[in-house]
Amino acid sequence: GVVPLMLLRIPASFFGVYGFSMMFNSTQKMAITTGLIGAVA
């Protein structure tokens, strides 16, 4: 449904961006910060 899909997209977006940020050699703090931005955007 719409709501379950949205709730799953938030962590998926976070971990997707978090992983890419690590691939760019970001520190853990920077990667987590970037992941939070990606989860929203």
PDB file of all heavy atoms in Angstrom:
ATOM      1  N   GLY A   1       0.814  -1.195   0.000  1.00  0.00           N
ATOM      2  CA  GLY A   1       0.000   0.000   0.000  1.00  0.00           C
ATOM      3  C   GLY A   1       0.857   1.258   0.000  1.00  0.00           C
ATOM      4  O   GLY A   1       2.092   1.196   0.113  1.00  0.00           O
ATOM      5  N   VAL A   2       0.195   2.398  -0.098  1.00  0.00           N
ATOM      6  CA  VAL A   2       0.905   3.668  -0.187  1.00  0.00           C
ATOM      7  C   VAL A   2       1.742   3.931   1.056  1.00  0.00           C
ATOM      8  O   VAL A   2       2.930   4.269   0.971  1.00  0.00           O
ATOM      9  CB  VAL A   2      -0.103   4.824  -0.419  1.00  0.00           C
ATOM     10  CG1 VAL A   2       0.626   6.167  -0.362  1.00  0.00           C
ATOM     11  CG2 VAL A   2      -0.807   4.660  -1.750  1.00  0.00           C
ATOM     12  N   VAL A   3       1.150   3.775   2.214  1.00  0.00           N
ATOM     13  CA  VAL A   3       1.860   4.082   3.460  1.00  0.00           C
ATOM     14  C   VAL A   3       2.987   3.089   3.734  1.00  0.00           C
ATOM     15  O   VAL A   3       4.121   3.492   4.034  1.00  0.00           O
ATOM     16  CB  VAL A   3       0.877   4.148   4.649  1.00  0.00           C
ATOM     17  CG1 VAL A   3       1.642   4.338   5.959  1.00  0.00           C
ATOM     18  CG2 VAL A   3      -0.108   5.294   4.443  1.00  0.00           C
ATOM     19  N   PRO A   4       2.753   1.771   3.658  1.00  0.00           N
ATOM     20  CA  PRO A   4       3.866   0.839   3.870  1.00  0.00           C
ATOM     21  C   PRO A   4       5.022   1.060   2.900  1.00  0.00           C
ATOM     22  O   PRO A   4       6.191   0.972   3.296  1.00  0.00           O
ATOM     23  CB  PRO A   4       3.221  -0.540   3.664  1.00  0.00           C
ATOM     24  CG  PRO A   4       1.784  -0.335   3.975  1.00  0.00           C
ATOM     25  CD  PRO A   4       1.475   1.050   3.479  1.00  0.00           C
ATOM     26  N   LEU A   5       4.693   1.365   1.636  1.00  0.00           N
ATOM     27  CA  LEU A   5       5.744   1.594   0.656  1.00  0.00           C
ATOM     28  C   LEU A   5       6.561   2.833   1.012  1.00  0.00           C
ATOM     29  O   LEU A   5       7.806   2.820   0.932  1.00  0.00           O
ATOM     30  CB  LEU A   5       5.129   1.763  -0.735  1.00  0.00           C
ATOM     31  CG  LEU A   5       6.119   1.954  -1.894  1.00  0.00           C
ATOM     32  CD1 LEU A   5       7.070   0.772  -1.996  1.00  0.00           C
ATOM     33  CD2 LEU A   5       5.366   2.153  -3.210  1.00  0.00           C
ATOM     34  N   MET A   6       5.895   3.884   1.441  1.00  0.00           N
ATOM     35  CA  MET A   6       6.609   5.100   1.827  1.00  0.00           C
ATOM     36  C   MET A   6       7.506   4.839   3.039  1.00  0.00           C
ATOM     37  O   MET A   6       8.654   5.293   3.085  1.00  0.00           O
ATOM     38  CB  MET A   6       5.622   6.227   2.152  1.00  0.00           C
ATOM     39  CG  MET A   6       6.292   7.537   2.541  1.00  0.00           C
ATOM     40  SD  MET A   6       5.116   8.772   3.160  1.00  0.00           S
ATOM     41  CE  MET A   6       4.626   8.021   4.715  1.00  0.00           C
ATOM     42  N   LEU A   7       6.992   4.100   4.018  1.00  0.00           N
ATOM     43  CA  LEU A   7       7.765   3.816   5.221  1.00  0.00           C
ATOM     44  C   LEU A   7       8.986   2.947   4.910  1.00  0.00           C
ATOM     45  O   LEU A   7      10.009   3.039   5.600  1.00  0.00           O
ATOM     46  CB  LEU A   7       6.885   3.135   6.262  1.00  0.00           C
ATOM     47  CG  LEU A   7       5.753   3.997   6.836  1.00  0.00           C
ATOM     48  CD1 LEU A   7       4.898   3.190   7.813  1.00  0.00           C
ATOM     49  CD2 LEU A   7       6.311   5.236   7.525  1.00  0.00           C
ATOM     50  N   LEU A   8       8.896   2.110   3.884  1.00  0.00           N
ATOM     51  CA  LEU A   8      10.045   1.296   3.484  1.00  0.00           C
ATOM     52  C   LEU A   8      11.027   2.094   2.631  1.00  0.00           C
ATOM     53  O   LEU A   8      12.233   1.817   2.644  1.00  0.00           O
ATOM     54  CB  LEU A   8       9.577   0.059   2.726  1.00  0.00           C
ATOM     55  CG  LEU A   8       8.887  -1.014   3.565  1.00  0.00           C
ATOM     56  CD1 LEU A   8       8.333  -2.123   2.663  1.00  0.00           C
ATOM     57  CD2 LEU A   8       9.851  -1.608   4.590  1.00  0.00           C
ATOM     58  N   ARG A   9      10.512   3.064   1.890  1.00  0.00           N
ATOM     59  CA  ARG A   9      11.391   3.881   1.056  1.00  0.00           C
ATOM     60  C   ARG A   9      12.338   4.750   1.891  1.00  0.00           C
ATOM     61  O   ARG A   9      13.450   5.054   1.447  1.00  0.00           O
ATOM     62  CB  ARG A   9      10.557   4.774   0.140  1.00  0.00           C
ATOM     63  CG  ARG A   9      10.013   4.069  -1.085  1.00  0.00           C
ATOM     64  CD  ARG A   9       9.043   4.936  -1.853  1.00  0.00           C
ATOM     65  NE  ARG A   9       8.693   4.351  -3.138  1.00  0.00           N
ATOM     66  CZ  ARG A   9       7.750   4.823  -3.952  1.00  0.00           C
ATOM     67  NH1 ARG A   9       7.063   5.926  -3.586  1.00  0.00           N
ATOM     68  NH2 ARG A   9       7.512   4.241  -5.108  1.00  0.00           N
ATOM     69  N   ILE A  10      11.899   5.155   3.053  1.00  0.00           N
ATOM     70  CA  ILE A  10      12.752   6.017   3.896  1.00  0.00           C
ATOM     71  C   ILE A  10      14.047   5.304   4.285  1.00  0.00           C
ATOM     72  O   ILE A  10      15.139   5.811   4.022  1.00  0.00           O
ATOM     73  CB  ILE A  10      11.966   6.505   5.136  1.00  0.00           C
ATOM     74  CG1 ILE A  10      10.819   7.426   4.697  1.00  0.00           C
ATOM     75  CG2 ILE A  10      12.901   7.229   6.095  1.00  0.00           C
ATOM     76  CD1 ILE A  10       9.888   7.818   5.841  1.00  0.00           C
ATOM     77  N   PRO A  11      13.990   4.104   4.908  1.00  0.00           N
ATOM     78  CA  PRO A  11      15.259   3.430   5.221  1.00  0.00           C
ATOM     79  C   PRO A  11      16.017   2.983   3.984  1.00  0.00           C
ATOM     80  O   PRO A  11      17.259   2.976   3.974  1.00  0.00           O
ATOM     81  CB  PRO A  11      14.828   2.238   6.081  1.00  0.00           C
ATOM     82  CG  PRO A  11      13.398   2.007   5.742  1.00  0.00           C
ATOM     83  CD  PRO A  11      12.831   3.359   5.435  1.00  0.00           C
ATOM     84  N   ALA A  12      15.298   2.607   2.919  1.00  0.00           N
ATOM     85  CA  ALA A  12      15.986   2.196   1.692  1.00  0.00           C
ATOM     86  C   ALA A  12      16.779   3.364   1.109  1.00  0.00           C
ATOM     87  O   ALA A  12      17.921   3.192   0.659  1.00  0.00           O
ATOM     88  CB  ALA A  12      14.985   1.669   0.669  1.00  0.00           C
ATOM     89  N   SER A  13      16.179   4.548   1.110  1.00  0.00           N
ATOM     90  CA  SER A  13      16.884   5.730   0.616  1.00  0.00           C
ATOM     91  C   SER A  13      18.086   6.045   1.494  1.00  0.00           C
ATOM     92  O   SER A  13      19.167   6.398   1.005  1.00  0.00           O
ATOM     93  CB  SER A  13      15.943   6.934   0.570  1.00  0.00           C
ATOM     94  OG  SER A  13      14.896   6.729  -0.356  1.00  0.00           O
ATOM     95  N   PHE A  14      17.905   5.916   2.809  1.00  0.00           N
ATOM     96  CA  PHE A  14      19.022   6.173   3.726  1.00  0.00           C
ATOM     97  C   PHE A  14      20.183   5.239   3.447  1.00  0.00           C
ATOM     98  O   PHE A  14      21.325   5.670   3.282  1.00  0.00           O
ATOM     99  CB  PHE A  14      18.562   6.012   5.185  1.00  0.00           C
ATOM    100  CG  PHE A  14      19.704   6.055   6.164  1.00  0.00           C
ATOM    101  CD1 PHE A  14      20.200   7.270   6.618  1.00  0.00           C
ATOM    102  CD2 PHE A  14      20.301   4.877   6.620  1.00  0.00           C
ATOM    103  CE1 PHE A  14      21.269   7.312   7.516  1.00  0.00           C
ATOM    104  CE2 PHE A  14      21.360   4.910   7.510  1.00  0.00           C
ATOM    105  CZ  PHE A  14      21.846   6.131   7.954  1.00  0.00           C
ATOM    106  N   PHE A  15      19.917   3.936   3.403  1.00  0.00           N
ATOM    107  CA  PHE A  15      21.002   2.969   3.238  1.00  0.00           C
ATOM    108  C   PHE A  15      21.610   3.035   1.837  1.00  0.00           C
ATOM    109  O   PHE A  15      22.806   2.787   1.674  1.00  0.00           O
ATOM    110  CB  PHE A  15      20.506   1.559   3.552  1.00  0.00           C
ATOM    111  CG  PHE A  15      20.323   1.308   5.021  1.00  0.00           C
ATOM    112  CD1 PHE A  15      19.062   1.127   5.560  1.00  0.00           C
ATOM    113  CD2 PHE A  15      21.419   1.281   5.874  1.00  0.00           C
ATOM    114  CE1 PHE A  15      18.891   0.908   6.913  1.00  0.00           C
ATOM    115  CE2 PHE A  15      21.261   1.061   7.235  1.00  0.00           C
ATOM    116  CZ  PHE A  15      19.994   0.874   7.756  1.00  0.00           C
ATOM    117  N   GLY A  16      20.796   3.372   0.842  1.00  0.00           N
ATOM    118  CA  GLY A  16      21.359   3.536  -0.495  1.00  0.00           C
ATOM    119  C   GLY A  16      22.351   4.679  -0.552  1.00  0.00           C
ATOM    120  O   GLY A  16      23.477   4.533  -1.049  1.00  0.00           O
ATOM    121  N   VAL A  17      21.959   5.822  -0.017  1.00  0.00           N
ATOM    122  CA  VAL A  17      22.847   6.988  -0.004  1.00  0.00           C
ATOM    123  C   VAL A  17      24.033   6.747   0.923  1.00  0.00           C
ATOM    124  O   VAL A  17      25.173   7.119   0.601  1.00  0.00           O
ATOM    125  CB  VAL A  17      22.059   8.244   0.421  1.00  0.00           C
ATOM    126  CG1 VAL A  17      22.999   9.421   0.627  1.00  0.00           C
ATOM    127  CG2 VAL A  17      21.000   8.578  -0.624  1.00  0.00           C
ATOM    128  N   TYR A  18      23.788   6.120   2.062  1.00  0.00           N
ATOM    129  CA  TYR A  18      24.858   5.804   3.009  1.00  0.00           C
ATOM    130  C   TYR A  18      25.929   4.939   2.343  1.00  0.00           C
ATOM    131  O   TYR A  18      27.133   5.170   2.487  1.00  0.00           O
ATOM    132  CB  TYR A  18      24.249   5.098   4.215  1.00  0.00           C
ATOM    133  CG  TYR A  18      25.236   4.525   5.202  1.00  0.00           C
ATOM    134  CD1 TYR A  18      25.889   5.339   6.115  1.00  0.00           C
ATOM    135  CD2 TYR A  18      25.503   3.152   5.217  1.00  0.00           C
ATOM    136  CE1 TYR A  18      26.784   4.807   7.032  1.00  0.00           C
ATOM    137  CE2 TYR A  18      26.397   2.613   6.132  1.00  0.00           C
ATOM    138  CZ  TYR A  18      27.033   3.443   7.032  1.00  0.00           C
ATOM    139  OH  TYR A  18      27.921   2.907   7.920  1.00  0.00           O
ATOM    140  N   GLY A  19      25.501   3.935   1.591  1.00  0.00           N
ATOM    141  CA  GLY A  19      26.448   3.065   0.910  1.00  0.00           C
ATOM    142  C   GLY A  19      27.248   3.806  -0.147  1.00  0.00           C
ATOM    143  O   GLY A  19      28.472   3.642  -0.247  1.00  0.00           O
ATOM    144  N   PHE A  20      26.580   4.629  -0.945  1.00  0.00           N
ATOM    145  CA  PHE A  20      27.300   5.404  -1.953  1.00  0.00           C
ATOM    146  C   PHE A  20      28.282   6.368  -1.301  1.00  0.00           C
ATOM    147  O   PHE A  20      29.392   6.580  -1.808  1.00  0.00           O
ATOM    148  CB  PHE A  20      26.312   6.182  -2.828  1.00  0.00           C
ATOM    149  CG  PHE A  20      25.759   5.386  -3.968  1.00  0.00           C
ATOM    150  CD1 PHE A  20      24.416   5.056  -4.020  1.00  0.00           C
ATOM    151  CD2 PHE A  20      26.582   4.954  -4.995  1.00  0.00           C
ATOM    152  CE1 PHE A  20      23.900   4.313  -5.069  1.00  0.00           C
ATOM    153  CE2 PHE A  20      26.077   4.209  -6.046  1.00  0.00           C
ATOM    154  CZ  PHE A  20      24.728   3.879  -6.079  1.00  0.00           C
ATOM    155  N   SER A  21      27.896   6.957  -0.192  1.00  0.00           N
ATOM    156  CA  SER A  21      28.783   7.889   0.491  1.00  0.00           C
ATOM    157  C   SER A  21      30.036   7.183   0.998  1.00  0.00           C
ATOM    158  O   SER A  21      31.147   7.720   0.910  1.00  0.00           O
ATOM    159  CB  SER A  21      28.038   8.546   1.659  1.00  0.00           C
ATOM    160  OG  SER A  21      28.758   9.642   2.171  1.00  0.00           O
ATOM    161  N   MET A  22      29.892   5.962   1.494  1.00  0.00           N
ATOM    162  CA  MET A  22      31.058   5.184   1.893  1.00  0.00           C
ATOM    163  C   MET A  22      31.945   4.881   0.689  1.00  0.00           C
ATOM    164  O   MET A  22      33.182   4.883   0.788  1.00  0.00           O
ATOM    165  CB  MET A  22      30.628   3.882   2.567  1.00  0.00           C
ATOM    166  CG  MET A  22      30.099   4.039   3.974  1.00  0.00           C
ATOM    167  SD  MET A  22      29.613   2.454   4.708  1.00  0.00           S
ATOM    168  CE  MET A  22      31.164   1.565   4.714  1.00  0.00           C
ATOM    169  N   MET A  23      31.342   4.608  -0.452  1.00  0.00           N
ATOM    170  CA  MET A  23      32.128   4.353  -1.662  1.00  0.00           C
ATOM    171  C   MET A  23      32.939   5.575  -2.064  1.00  0.00           C
ATOM    172  O   MET A  23      33.984   5.453  -2.720  1.00  0.00           O
ATOM    173  CB  MET A  23      31.200   3.935  -2.802  1.00  0.00           C
ATOM    174  CG  MET A  23      30.595   2.553  -2.625  1.00  0.00           C
ATOM    175  SD  MET A  23      29.226   2.240  -3.766  1.00  0.00           S
ATOM    176  CE  MET A  23      30.048   2.421  -5.341  1.00  0.00           C
ATOM    177  N   PHE A  24      32.478   6.759  -1.671  1.00  0.00           N
ATOM    178  CA  PHE A  24      33.213   7.996  -1.950  1.00  0.00           C
ATOM    179  C   PHE A  24      34.189   8.345  -0.821  1.00  0.00           C
ATOM    180  O   PHE A  24      34.703   9.457  -0.781  1.00  0.00           O
ATOM    181  CB  PHE A  24      32.230   9.152  -2.148  1.00  0.00           C
ATOM    182  CG  PHE A  24      31.328   8.987  -3.343  1.00  0.00           C
ATOM    183  CD1 PHE A  24      30.033   9.485  -3.319  1.00  0.00           C
ATOM    184  CD2 PHE A  24      31.765   8.347  -4.476  1.00  0.00           C
ATOM    185  CE1 PHE A  24      29.196   9.345  -4.418  1.00  0.00           C
ATOM    186  CE2 PHE A  24      30.931   8.192  -5.581  1.00  0.00           C
ATOM    187  CZ  PHE A  24      29.645   8.695  -5.552  1.00  0.00           C
ATOM    188  N   ASN A  25      34.408   7.401   0.114  1.00  0.00           N
ATOM    189  CA  ASN A  25      35.374   7.544   1.205  1.00  0.00           C
ATOM    190  C   ASN A  25      34.955   8.555   2.265  1.00  0.00           C
ATOM    191  O   ASN A  25      35.790   9.135   2.956  1.00  0.00           O
ATOM    192  CB  ASN A  25      36.773   7.907   0.680  1.00  0.00           C
ATOM    193  CG  ASN A  25      37.856   7.633   1.706  1.00  0.00           C
ATOM    194  OD1 ASN A  25      37.909   6.559   2.298  1.00  0.00           O
ATOM    195  ND2 ASN A  25      38.727   8.608   1.942  1.00  0.00           N
ATOM    196  N   SER A  26      33.661   8.771   2.424  1.00  0.00           N
ATOM    197  CA  SER A  26      33.193   9.625   3.507  1.00  0.00           C
ATOM    198  C   SER A  26      33.414   8.943   4.842  1.00  0.00           C
ATOM    199  O   SER A  26      33.345   7.710   4.944  1.00  0.00           O
ATOM    200  CB  SER A  26      31.702   9.940   3.339  1.00  0.00           C
ATOM    201  OG  SER A  26      31.454  10.674   2.163  1.00  0.00           O
ATOM    202  N   THR A  27      33.656   9.726   5.878  1.00  0.00           N
ATOM    203  CA  THR A  27      33.704   9.175   7.224  1.00  0.00           C
ATOM    204  C   THR A  27      32.307   8.691   7.608  1.00  0.00           C
ATOM    205  O   THR A  27      31.310   9.025   6.968  1.00  0.00           O
ATOM    206  CB  THR A  27      34.166  10.234   8.226  1.00  0.00           C
ATOM    207  OG1 THR A  27      33.214  11.329   8.225  1.00  0.00           O
ATOM    208  CG2 THR A  27      35.547  10.775   7.868  1.00  0.00           C
ATOM    209  N   GLN A  28      32.242   7.906   8.668  1.00  0.00           N
ATOM    210  CA  GLN A  28      30.945   7.389   9.091  1.00  0.00           C
ATOM    211  C   GLN A  28      29.973   8.520   9.445  1.00  0.00           C
ATOM    212  O   GLN A  28      28.791   8.473   9.084  1.00  0.00           O
ATOM    213  CB  GLN A  28      31.123   6.453  10.284  1.00  0.00           C
ATOM    214  CG  GLN A  28      31.620   5.071   9.903  1.00  0.00           C
ATOM    215  CD  GLN A  28      30.634   4.333   9.020  1.00  0.00           C
ATOM    216  OE1 GLN A  28      29.497   4.073   9.404  1.00  0.00           O
ATOM    217  NE2 GLN A  28      31.068   3.990   7.815  1.00  0.00           N
ATOM    218  N   LYS A  29      30.469   9.534  10.131  1.00  0.00           N
ATOM    219  CA  LYS A  29      29.599  10.645  10.504  1.00  0.00           C
ATOM    220  C   LYS A  29      29.073  11.362   9.266  1.00  0.00           C
ATOM    221  O   LYS A  29      27.883  11.700   9.180  1.00  0.00           O
ATOM    222  CB  LYS A  29      30.357  11.630  11.401  1.00  0.00           C
ATOM    223  CG  LYS A  29      29.488  12.754  11.930  1.00  0.00           C
ATOM    224  CD  LYS A  29      30.275  13.653  12.879  1.00  0.00           C
ATOM    225  CE  LYS A  29      29.398  14.797  13.404  1.00  0.00           C
ATOM    226  NZ  LYS A  29      30.159  15.687  14.327  1.00  0.00           N
ATOM    227  N   MET A  30      29.960  11.583   8.289  1.00  0.00           N
ATOM    228  CA  MET A  30      29.533  12.247   7.058  1.00  0.00           C
ATOM    229  C   MET A  30      28.578  11.366   6.264  1.00  0.00           C
ATOM    230  O   MET A  30      27.587  11.850   5.701  1.00  0.00           O
ATOM    231  CB  MET A  30      30.752  12.609   6.200  1.00  0.00           C
ATOM    232  CG  MET A  30      30.419  13.473   4.990  1.00  0.00           C
ATOM    233  SD  MET A  30      31.844  13.744   3.892  1.00  0.00           S
ATOM    234  CE  MET A  30      32.944  14.639   4.996  1.00  0.00           C
ATOM    235  N   ALA A  31      28.844  10.052   6.223  1.00  0.00           N
ATOM    236  CA  ALA A  31      27.979   9.139   5.485  1.00  0.00           C
ATOM    237  C   ALA A  31      26.579   9.078   6.099  1.00  0.00           C
ATOM    238  O   ALA A  31      25.572   9.044   5.381  1.00  0.00           O
ATOM    239  CB  ALA A  31      28.611   7.750   5.442  1.00  0.00           C
ATOM    240  N   ILE A  32      26.509   9.057   7.423  1.00  0.00           N
ATOM    241  CA  ILE A  32      25.205   9.036   8.096  1.00  0.00           C
ATOM    242  C   ILE A  32      24.454  10.339   7.833  1.00  0.00           C
ATOM    243  O   ILE A  32      23.247  10.336   7.560  1.00  0.00           O
ATOM    244  CB  ILE A  32      25.393   8.799   9.604  1.00  0.00           C
ATOM    245  CG1 ILE A  32      25.900   7.375   9.845  1.00  0.00           C
ATOM    246  CG2 ILE A  32      24.097   9.040  10.365  1.00  0.00           C
ATOM    247  CD1 ILE A  32      26.300   7.096  11.280  1.00  0.00           C
ATOM    248  N   THR A  33      25.178  11.458   7.901  1.00  0.00           N
ATOM    249  CA  THR A  33      24.547  12.755   7.620  1.00  0.00           C
ATOM    250  C   THR A  33      23.999  12.785   6.202  1.00  0.00           C
ATOM    251  O   THR A  33      22.858  13.222   5.962  1.00  0.00           O
ATOM    252  CB  THR A  33      25.573  13.891   7.799  1.00  0.00           C
ATOM    253  OG1 THR A  33      26.079  13.856   9.135  1.00  0.00           O
ATOM    254  CG2 THR A  33      24.926  15.242   7.547  1.00  0.00           C
ATOM    255  N   THR A  34      24.786  12.311   5.257  1.00  0.00           N
ATOM    256  CA  THR A  34      24.352  12.275   3.863  1.00  0.00           C
ATOM    257  C   THR A  34      23.167  11.339   3.690  1.00  0.00           C
ATOM    258  O   THR A  34      22.230  11.636   2.933  1.00  0.00           O
ATOM    259  CB  THR A  34      25.515  11.833   2.959  1.00  0.00           C
ATOM    260  OG1 THR A  34      26.654  12.641   3.209  1.00  0.00           O
ATOM    261  CG2 THR A  34      25.131  11.951   1.500  1.00  0.00           C
ATOM    262  N   GLY A  35      23.202  10.207   4.383  1.00  0.00           N
ATOM    263  CA  GLY A  35      22.089   9.272   4.305  1.00  0.00           C
ATOM    264  C   GLY A  35      20.784   9.876   4.786  1.00  0.00           C
ATOM    265  O   GLY A  35      19.717   9.635   4.205  1.00  0.00           O
ATOM    266  N   LEU A  36      20.843  10.676   5.847  1.00  0.00           N
ATOM    267  CA  LEU A  36      19.634  11.334   6.348  1.00  0.00           C
ATOM    268  C   LEU A  36      19.095  12.335   5.335  1.00  0.00           C
ATOM    269  O   LEU A  36      17.881  12.450   5.142  1.00  0.00           O
ATOM    270  CB  LEU A  36      19.940  12.026   7.679  1.00  0.00           C
ATOM    271  CG  LEU A  36      20.262  11.088   8.851  1.00  0.00           C
ATOM    272  CD1 LEU A  36      20.718  11.885  10.065  1.00  0.00           C
ATOM    273  CD2 LEU A  36      19.057  10.221   9.194  1.00  0.00           C
ATOM    274  N   ILE A  37      20.002  13.068   4.680  1.00  0.00           N
ATOM    275  CA  ILE A  37      19.563  13.995   3.632  1.00  0.00           C
ATOM    276  C   ILE A  37      18.881  13.223   2.507  1.00  0.00           C
ATOM    277  O   ILE A  37      17.806  13.594   2.014  1.00  0.00           O
ATOM    278  CB  ILE A  37      20.761  14.795   3.077  1.00  0.00           C
ATOM    279  CG1 ILE A  37      21.322  15.715   4.161  1.00  0.00           C
ATOM    280  CG2 ILE A  37      20.352  15.614   1.848  1.00  0.00           C
ATOM    281  CD1 ILE A  37      22.597  16.424   3.743  1.00  0.00           C
ATOM    282  N   GLY A  38      19.511  12.124   2.090  1.00  0.00           N
ATOM    283  CA  GLY A  38      18.935  11.327   1.014  1.00  0.00           C
ATOM    284  C   GLY A  38      17.601  10.710   1.391  1.00  0.00           C
ATOM    285  O   GLY A  38      16.702  10.596   0.539  1.00  0.00           O
ATOM    286  N   ALA A  39      17.452  10.301   2.658  1.00  0.00           N
ATOM    287  CA  ALA A  39      16.194   9.702   3.093  1.00  0.00           C
ATOM    288  C   ALA A  39      15.040  10.680   2.934  1.00  0.00           C
ATOM    289  O   ALA A  39      13.937  10.302   2.532  1.00  0.00           O
ATOM    290  CB  ALA A  39      16.315   9.248   4.545  1.00  0.00           C
ATOM    291  N   VAL A  40      15.301  11.947   3.215  1.00  0.00           N
ATOM    292  CA  VAL A  40      14.257  12.971   3.071  1.00  0.00           C
ATOM    293  C   VAL A  40      14.037  13.315   1.601  1.00  0.00           C
ATOM    294  O   VAL A  40      12.907  13.276   1.084  1.00  0.00           O
ATOM    295  CB  VAL A  40      14.637  14.243   3.859  1.00  0.00           C
ATOM    296  CG1 VAL A  40      13.639  15.365   3.588  1.00  0.00           C
ATOM    297  CG2 VAL A  40      14.716  13.945   5.350  1.00  0.00           C
ATOM    298  N   ALA A  41      15.120  13.646   0.902  1.00  0.00           N
ATOM    299  CA  ALA A  41      15.006  14.165  -0.470  1.00  0.00           C
ATOM    300  C   ALA A  41      14.515  13.098  -1.443  1.00  0.00           C
ATOM    301  O   ALA A  41      13.633  13.362  -2.278  1.00  0.00           O
ATOM    302  CB  ALA A  41      16.357  14.715  -0.916  1.00  0.00           C
TER     303      ALA A  41
END
